[in-house]
C-alpha atoms as a PDB file:
ATOM      1  CA  ILE A   1      -1.510 -54.697-113.248  1.00  0.00           C
ATOM      2  CA  ALA A   2      -1.718 -56.940-116.296  1.00  0.00           C
ATOM      3  CA  GLN A   3      -3.068 -59.765-114.090  1.00  0.00           C
ATOM      4  CA  GLN A   4      -5.650 -57.588-112.349  1.00  0.00           C
ATOM      5  CA  TRP A   5      -7.052 -55.756-115.404  1.00  0.00           C
ATOM      6  CA  PRO A   6      -8.290 -57.205-118.658  1.00  0.00           C
ATOM      7  CA  GLN A   7      -5.855 -57.072-121.528  1.00  0.00           C
ATOM      8  CA  GLU A   8      -7.782 -54.392-123.405  1.00  0.00           C
ATOM      9  CA  ALA A   9      -7.477 -52.023-120.480  1.00  0.00           C
ATOM     10  CA  VAL A  10      -3.674 -52.313-120.637  1.00  0.00           C
ATOM     11  CA  VAL A  11      -3.364 -51.737-124.361  1.00  0.00           C
ATOM     12  CA  GLY A  12      -5.804 -48.907-124.692  1.00  0.00           C
ATOM     13  CA  GLY A  13      -9.260 -50.183-123.879  1.00  0.00           C
ATOM     14  CA  PRO A  14     -12.195 -48.114-122.573  1.00  0.00           C
ATOM     15  CA  ARG A  15     -11.103 -48.292-118.941  1.00  0.00           C
ATOM     16  CA  GLN A  16      -7.727 -46.800-119.709  1.00  0.00           C
ATOM     17  CA  TRP A  17      -9.305 -44.006-121.719  1.00  0.00           C
ATOM     18  CA  LEU A  18     -11.649 -43.333-118.823  1.00  0.00           C
ATOM     19  CA  VAL A  19      -8.669 -43.074-116.429  1.00  0.00           C
ATOM     20  CA  VAL A  20      -6.811 -40.855-118.879  1.00  0.00           C
ATOM     21  CA  GLY A  21      -9.892 -38.645-119.357  1.00  0.00           C
ATOM     22  CA  LEU A  22     -10.404 -38.224-115.649  1.00  0.00           C
ATOM     23  CA  GLY A  23      -6.704 -37.453-115.240  1.00  0.00           C
ATOM     24  CA  VAL A  24      -6.847 -34.740-117.922  1.00  0.00           C
ATOM     25  CA  LEU A  25      -9.963 -33.227-116.318  1.00  0.00           C
ATOM     26  CA  VAL A  26      -8.349 -33.142-112.848  1.00  0.00           C
ATOM     27  CA  ALA A  27      -5.174 -31.619-114.326  1.00  0.00           C
ATOM     28  CA  LEU A  28      -7.278 -28.983-116.144  1.00  0.00           C
ATOM     29  CA  VAL A  29      -9.117 -28.004-112.960  1.00  0.00           C
ATOM     30  CA  LEU A  30      -5.839 -27.826-111.054  1.00  0.00           C
ATOM     31  CA  ALA A  31      -4.277 -25.687-113.792  1.00  0.00           C
ATOM     32  CA  VAL A  32      -7.153 -23.220-113.672  1.00  0.00           C
ATOM     33  CA  ALA A  33      -7.009 -23.077-109.896  1.00  0.00           C
ATOM     34  CA  LEU A  34      -3.271 -22.490-110.031  1.00  0.00           C
ATOM     35  CA  ALA A  35      -3.727 -19.740-112.605  1.00  0.00           C
ATOM     36  CA  VAL A  36      -6.281 -18.069-110.311  1.00  0.00           C
ATOM     37  CA  VAL A  37      -3.858 -18.229-107.372  1.00  0.00           C
ATOM     38  CA  LEU A  38      -0.999 -16.807-109.437  1.00  0.00           C
ATOM     39  CA  LEU A  39      -2.940 -14.134-111.330  1.00  0.00           C
ATOM     40  CA  LEU A  40      -5.571 -13.123-108.782  1.00  0.00           C
ATOM     41  CA  ASP A  41      -4.102 -10.840-106.168  1.00  0.00           C
ATOM     42  CA  PRO A  42      -6.694 -10.699-103.320  1.00  0.00           C
ATOM     43  CA  ALA A  43      -5.661  -7.155-102.397  1.00  0.00           C
ATOM     44  CA  ARG A  44      -6.095  -5.996-105.975  1.00  0.00           C
ATOM     45  CA  VAL A  45      -9.463  -7.754-106.207  1.00  0.00           C
ATOM     46  CA  ARG A  46     -10.708  -5.899-103.135  1.00  0.00           C
ATOM     47  CA  ASP A  47      -9.577  -2.558-104.597  1.00  0.00           C
ATOM     48  CA  GLN A  48     -11.324  -3.367-107.894  1.00  0.00           C
ATOM     49  CA  LEU A  49     -14.568  -4.296-106.160  1.00  0.00           C
ATOM     50  CA  VAL A  50     -14.538  -1.037-104.214  1.00  0.00           C
ATOM     51  CA  SER A  51     -13.897   0.900-107.414  1.00  0.00           C
ATOM     52  CA  ILE A  52     -16.643  -0.861-109.331  1.00  0.00           C
ATOM     53  CA  ALA A  53     -19.166  -0.355-106.534  1.00  0.00           C
ATOM     54  CA  ARG A  54     -18.341   3.338-106.387  1.00  0.00           C
ATOM     55  CA  ALA A  55     -18.728   3.727-110.156  1.00  0.00           C
ATOM     56  CA  GLN A  56     -21.977   1.752-110.354  1.00  0.00           C
ATOM     57  CA  THR A  57     -23.762   2.970-107.233  1.00  0.00           C
ATOM     58  CA  GLY A  58     -21.998   6.137-106.086  1.00  0.00           C
ATOM     59  CA  ARG A  59     -21.687   4.551-102.666  1.00  0.00           C
ATOM     60  CA  ASP A  60     -18.688   3.414-100.646  1.00  0.00           C
ATOM     61  CA  LEU A  61     -18.102  -0.310-100.395  1.00  0.00           C
ATOM     62  CA  GLN A  62     -16.064  -1.501 -97.447  1.00  0.00           C
ATOM     63  CA  ILE A  63     -14.567  -5.012 -97.130  1.00  0.00           C
ATOM     64  CA  ALA A  64     -13.062  -5.454 -93.700  1.00  0.00           C
ATOM     65  CA  HIS A  65     -11.071  -8.614 -94.370  1.00  0.00           C
ATOM     66  CA  PRO A  66      -8.850  -9.756 -97.287  1.00  0.00           C
ATOM     67  CA  VAL A  67     -10.593 -11.531-100.137  1.00  0.00           C
ATOM     68  CA  GLU A  68     -10.218 -15.268 -99.836  1.00  0.00           C
ATOM     69  CA  LEU A  69     -10.038 -17.743-102.716  1.00  0.00           C
ATOM     70  CA  THR A  70     -12.077 -20.945-102.450  1.00  0.00           C
ATOM     71  CA  PHE A  71     -11.616 -24.217-104.306  1.00  0.00           C
ATOM     72  CA  PHE A  72     -14.231 -26.552-102.810  1.00  0.00           C
ATOM     73  CA  PRO A  73     -16.936 -27.288-103.677  1.00  0.00           C
ATOM     74  CA  TRP A  74     -16.519 -24.569-106.340  1.00  0.00           C
ATOM     75  CA  LEU A  75     -13.808 -22.229-107.520  1.00  0.00           C
ATOM     76  CA  GLY A  76     -14.658 -18.817-106.193  1.00  0.00           C
ATOM     77  CA  VAL A  77     -14.154 -16.071-103.659  1.00  0.00           C
ATOM     78  CA  ALA A  78     -15.264 -15.421-100.113  1.00  0.00           C
ATOM     79  CA  LEU A  79     -15.800 -11.938 -98.615  1.00  0.00           C
ATOM     80  CA  ARG A  80     -16.284 -11.185 -94.923  1.00  0.00           C
ATOM     81  CA  GLU A  81     -17.716  -8.117 -93.191  1.00  0.00           C
ATOM     82  CA  VAL A  82     -18.889  -6.302 -96.320  1.00  0.00           C
ATOM     83  CA  SER A  83     -20.949  -3.098 -96.158  1.00  0.00           C
ATOM     84  CA  LEU A  84     -22.411  -0.652 -98.666  1.00  0.00           C
ATOM     85  CA  GLY A  85     -22.849   2.981 -97.554  1.00  0.00           C
ATOM     86  CA  ASN A  86     -26.211   4.683 -97.200  1.00  0.00           C
ATOM     87  CA  ALA A  87     -27.357   7.797 -99.027  1.00  0.00           C
ATOM     88  CA  PRO A  88     -25.787  11.050 -97.687  1.00  0.00           C
ATOM     89  CA  GLY A  89     -27.770  12.645 -94.874  1.00  0.00           C
ATOM     90  CA  LEU A  90     -30.112   9.728 -94.220  1.00  0.00           C
ATOM     91  CA  ASP A  91     -28.550   7.395 -91.748  1.00  0.00           C
ATOM     92  CA  ASP A  92     -25.094   6.671 -90.381  1.00  0.00           C
ATOM     93  CA  ALA A  93     -25.737   2.945 -90.620  1.00  0.00           C
ATOM     94  CA  PRO A  94     -24.826   1.219 -93.940  1.00  0.00           C
ATOM     95  CA  LEU A  95     -27.552   0.528 -96.468  1.00  0.00           C
ATOM     96  CA  ALA A  96     -26.497  -3.122 -96.466  1.00  0.00           C
ATOM     97  CA  ARG A  97     -24.126  -5.234 -94.446  1.00  0.00           C
ATOM     98  CA  VAL A  98     -23.168  -8.895 -94.991  1.00  0.00           C
ATOM     99  CA  ALA A  99     -21.202 -10.977 -92.504  1.00  0.00           C
ATOM    100  CA  GLU A 100     -20.093 -13.534 -95.091  1.00  0.00           C
ATOM    101  CA  LEU A 101     -20.541 -13.707 -98.871  1.00  0.00           C
ATOM    102  CA  HIS A 102     -19.395 -16.707-100.918  1.00  0.00           C
ATOM    103  CA  VAL A 103     -19.591 -16.811-104.721  1.00  0.00           C
ATOM    104  CA  GLY A 104     -18.620 -20.001-106.597  1.00  0.00           C
ATOM    105  CA  VAL A 105     -18.275 -20.370-110.371  1.00  0.00           C
ATOM    106  CA  LYS A 106     -18.160 -23.430-112.598  1.00  0.00           C
ATOM    107  CA  VAL A 107     -14.754 -23.961-114.241  1.00  0.00           C
ATOM    108  CA  LEU A 108     -15.601 -25.696-117.518  1.00  0.00           C
ATOM    109  CA  PRO A 109     -18.107 -23.004-118.697  1.00  0.00           C
ATOM    110  CA  LEU A 110     -15.411 -20.378-118.001  1.00  0.00           C
ATOM    111  CA  LEU A 111     -13.087 -22.136-120.425  1.00  0.00           C
ATOM    112  CA  ALA A 112     -15.834 -21.911-123.045  1.00  0.00           C
ATOM    113  CA  GLY A 113     -16.303 -18.169-122.404  1.00  0.00           C
ATOM    114  CA  ARG A 114     -19.515 -18.505-120.358  1.00  0.00           C
ATOM    115  CA  LEU A 115     -20.098 -17.311-116.823  1.00  0.00           C
ATOM    116  CA  GLU A 116     -22.068 -19.788-114.751  1.00  0.00           C
ATOM    117  CA  VAL A 117     -22.269 -18.979-111.070  1.00  0.00           C
ATOM    118  CA  ALA A 118     -22.606 -22.243-109.235  1.00  0.00           C
ATOM    119  CA  SER A 119     -23.836 -20.722-106.014  1.00  0.00           C
ATOM    120  CA  VAL A 120     -24.175 -17.507-104.035  1.00  0.00           C
ATOM    121  CA  SER A 121     -24.309 -17.840-100.272  1.00  0.00           C
ATOM    122  CA  LEU A 122     -24.933 -14.952 -97.867  1.00  0.00           C
ATOM    123  CA  ARG A 123     -24.873 -15.130 -94.101  1.00  0.00           C
ATOM    124  CA  GLY A 124     -25.975 -12.346 -91.808  1.00  0.00           C
ATOM    125  CA  LEU A 125     -27.457  -9.882 -94.324  1.00  0.00           C
ATOM    126  CA  ASP A 126     -28.559  -6.654 -92.624  1.00  0.00           C
ATOM    127  CA  LEU A 127     -30.586  -4.354 -94.926  1.00  0.00           C
ATOM    128  CA  ASN A 128     -31.350  -0.889 -93.613  1.00  0.00           C
ATOM    129  CA  LEU A 129     -34.081   0.876 -95.628  1.00  0.00           C
ATOM    130  CA  VAL A 130     -34.841   4.474 -94.689  1.00  0.00           C
ATOM    131  CA  ARG A 131     -37.169   7.177 -96.065  1.00  0.00           C
ATOM    132  CA  GLY A 132     -36.052  10.643 -95.012  1.00  0.00           C
ATOM    133  CA  ALA A 133     -38.134  13.548 -93.770  1.00  0.00           C
ATOM    134  CA  GLN A 134     -38.184  15.134 -97.243  1.00  0.00           C
ATOM    135  CA  GLY A 135     -39.267  11.902 -98.959  1.00  0.00           C
ATOM    136  CA  GLU A 136     -35.844  10.800-100.142  1.00  0.00           C
ATOM    137  CA  ALA A 137     -35.095   7.055 -99.840  1.00  0.00           C
ATOM    138  CA  SER A 138     -31.898   5.223 -99.021  1.00  0.00           C
ATOM    139  CA  TRP A 139     -32.036   3.332-102.358  1.00  0.00           C
ATOM    140  CA  ASP A 140     -32.675   6.394-104.515  1.00  0.00           C
ATOM    141  CA  GLY A 141     -30.177   6.756-107.416  1.00  0.00           C
ATOM    142  CA  LEU A 142     -28.941   3.189-107.366  1.00  0.00           C
ATOM    143  CA  ARG A 143     -31.003   1.794-110.217  1.00  0.00           C
ATOM    144  CA  GLN A 144     -31.027   5.028-112.236  1.00  0.00           C
ATOM    145  CA  ARG A 145     -27.250   5.311-111.984  1.00  0.00           C
ATOM    146  CA  SER A 146     -26.722   1.715-113.103  1.00  0.00           C
ATOM    147  CA  VAL A 147     -29.125   2.023-116.063  1.00  0.00           C
ATOM    148  CA  ARG A 148     -27.562   5.372-117.145  1.00  0.00           C
ATOM    149  CA  ARG A 149     -24.064   3.909-117.167  1.00  0.00           C
ATOM    150  CA  SER A 150     -25.304   0.983-119.219  1.00  0.00           C
ATOM    151  CA  ASP A 151     -26.951   3.318-121.728  1.00  0.00           C
ATOM    152  CA  ASP A 152     -23.797   5.433-122.024  1.00  0.00           C
ATOM    153  CA  ALA A 153     -21.721   2.338-122.689  1.00  0.00           C
ATOM    154  CA  THR A 154     -24.001   0.826-125.338  1.00  0.00           C
ATOM    155  CA  GLY A 155     -25.485   3.976-126.868  1.00  0.00           C
ATOM    156  CA  ASP A 156     -28.979   2.563-126.413  1.00  0.00           C
ATOM    157  CA  THR A 157     -31.936   4.243-124.790  1.00  0.00           C
ATOM    158  CA  ALA A 158     -33.156   1.028-123.156  1.00  0.00           C
ATOM    159  CA  PRO A 159     -31.224  -1.555-121.202  1.00  0.00           C
ATOM    160  CA  SER A 160     -30.102  -4.459-123.376  1.00  0.00           C
ATOM    161  CA  SER A 161     -30.168  -8.096-122.368  1.00  0.00           C
ATOM    162  CA  ARG A 162     -27.442  -9.019-124.818  1.00  0.00           C
ATOM    163  CA  GLY A 163     -24.874 -11.105-123.029  1.00  0.00           C
ATOM    164  CA  LEU A 164     -27.347 -12.101-120.272  1.00  0.00           C
ATOM    165  CA  ALA A 165     -28.668 -15.133-122.113  1.00  0.00           C
ATOM    166  CA  ALA A 166     -25.609 -17.151-121.128  1.00  0.00           C
ATOM    167  CA  PHE A 167     -25.622 -15.836-117.591  1.00  0.00           C
ATOM    168  CA  LEU A 168     -26.809 -18.369-115.046  1.00  0.00           C
ATOM    169  CA  ILE A 169     -26.816 -18.644-111.255  1.00  0.00           C
ATOM    170  CA  GLY A 170     -27.183 -22.131-109.779  1.00  0.00           C
ATOM    171  CA  GLY A 171     -28.950 -20.734-106.724  1.00  0.00           C
ATOM    172  CA  ILE A 172     -28.890 -18.173-103.938  1.00  0.00           C
ATOM    173  CA  GLU A 173     -28.987 -19.083-100.268  1.00  0.00           C
ATOM    174  CA  LEU A 174     -29.482 -16.492 -97.557  1.00  0.00           C
ATOM    175  CA  SER A 175     -29.425 -17.308 -93.873  1.00  0.00           C
ATOM    176  CA  GLY A 176     -29.756 -15.143 -90.762  1.00  0.00           C
ATOM    177  CA  GLY A 177     -30.973 -12.102 -92.631  1.00  0.00           C
ATOM    178  CA  ARG A 178     -32.600  -8.941 -91.279  1.00  0.00           C
ATOM    179  CA  VAL A 179     -34.534  -6.195 -93.116  1.00  0.00           C
ATOM    180  CA  ALA A 180     -35.433  -2.980 -91.283  1.00  0.00           C
ATOM    181  CA  TRP A 181     -37.675  -0.189 -92.614  1.00  0.00           C
ATOM    182  CA  HIS A 182     -37.845   3.271 -91.001  1.00  0.00           C
ATOM    183  CA  ASP A 183     -39.920   6.218 -92.216  1.00  0.00           C
ATOM    184  CA  GLN A 184     -38.581   9.437 -90.694  1.00  0.00           C
ATOM    185  CA  ARG A 185     -41.660  11.396 -91.823  1.00  0.00           C
ATOM    186  CA  THR A 186     -44.183   9.315 -89.886  1.00  0.00           C
ATOM    187  CA  ARG A 187     -41.712   7.951 -87.315  1.00  0.00           C
ATOM    188  CA  THR A 188     -42.873   4.437 -88.049  1.00  0.00           C
ATOM    189  CA  GLY A 189     -41.119   1.277 -89.133  1.00  0.00           C
ATOM    190  CA  TRP A 190     -40.899  -2.465 -89.044  1.00  0.00           C
ATOM    191  CA  VAL A 191     -38.290  -5.214 -88.908  1.00  0.00           C
ATOM    192  CA  LEU A 192     -38.293  -8.587 -90.669  1.00  0.00           C
ATOM    193  CA  ASP A 193     -35.916 -10.811 -88.698  1.00  0.00           C
ATOM    194  CA  ASP A 194     -34.537 -14.359 -88.854  1.00  0.00           C
ATOM    195  CA  LEU A 195     -34.824 -14.173 -92.619  1.00  0.00           C
ATOM    196  CA  HIS A 196     -34.007 -17.305 -94.719  1.00  0.00           C
ATOM    197  CA  LEU A 197     -34.211 -17.469 -98.491  1.00  0.00           C
ATOM    198  CA  GLU A 198     -33.328 -20.229-100.962  1.00  0.00           C
ATOM    199  CA  THR A 199     -33.795 -20.128-104.698  1.00  0.00           C
ATOM    200  CA  GLY A 200     -33.421 -22.578-107.550  1.00  0.00           C
ATOM    201  CA  THR A 201     -31.543 -21.860-110.752  1.00  0.00           C
ATOM    202  CA  ILE A 202     -31.775 -18.208-111.916  1.00  0.00           C
ATOM    203  CA  ALA A 203     -31.609 -17.527-115.658  1.00  0.00           C
ATOM    204  CA  VAL A 204     -33.184 -15.172-118.179  1.00  0.00           C
ATOM    205  CA  ASP A 205     -36.814 -15.979-119.120  1.00  0.00           C
ATOM    206  CA  ARG A 206     -37.040 -18.862-116.653  1.00  0.00           C
ATOM    207  CA  ASP A 207     -39.293 -19.307-113.631  1.00  0.00           C
ATOM    208  CA  VAL A 208     -37.392 -19.379-110.376  1.00  0.00           C
ATOM    209  CA  PRO A 209     -38.556 -21.477-107.419  1.00  0.00           C
ATOM    210  CA  VAL A 210     -38.138 -19.646-104.097  1.00  0.00           C
ATOM    211  CA  ARG A 211     -38.395 -20.775-100.482  1.00  0.00           C
ATOM    212  CA  PHE A 212     -38.738 -17.966 -97.977  1.00  0.00           C
ATOM    213  CA  SER A 213     -39.272 -17.620 -94.239  1.00  0.00           C
ATOM    214  CA  GLY A 214     -38.918 -14.914 -91.619  1.00  0.00           C
END
């Protein structure tokens, strides 16, 4: 090694520090990944997601397969065959169904207490929008319930953006989507099929580039 590398690299030169720095970074990433594996019980994560969805939306969330941990290209989770129930009395079909959902997060911002979602990927989204005979809609109550819970937690009368300034999503990619609309009053409807959507970085107070086809 002493013959192949300059002397300063052997005794502590910049090349050695670079190697040491990269080694520390790799070890840090592996440590975080190991901690996730040891502390994150996929079965418990699925139960928590179902509970959170029920509390926030009042709807039943079903995840057909165990939650999977992912490590490449980002640390994250993968969900398969996910569905969110429709409003009672409107339609037996779920409000939304996703064949695969992948969410990746950046490791280093997590260590600094910031949540930066590297990517969100959805394949096979099926969105079923219905307006009932009495004028009720399948999405009624979702936004109001979420805002009301936020107000109860903060004591404010308007939603607060505190804590969102550091929230960032690297991009959302949707492939093979389908959106169906059905009005039971007029017995009319339409379907947007073969839906593809790709966004740039999503952050508060920032323009978001979007590519869309269907």
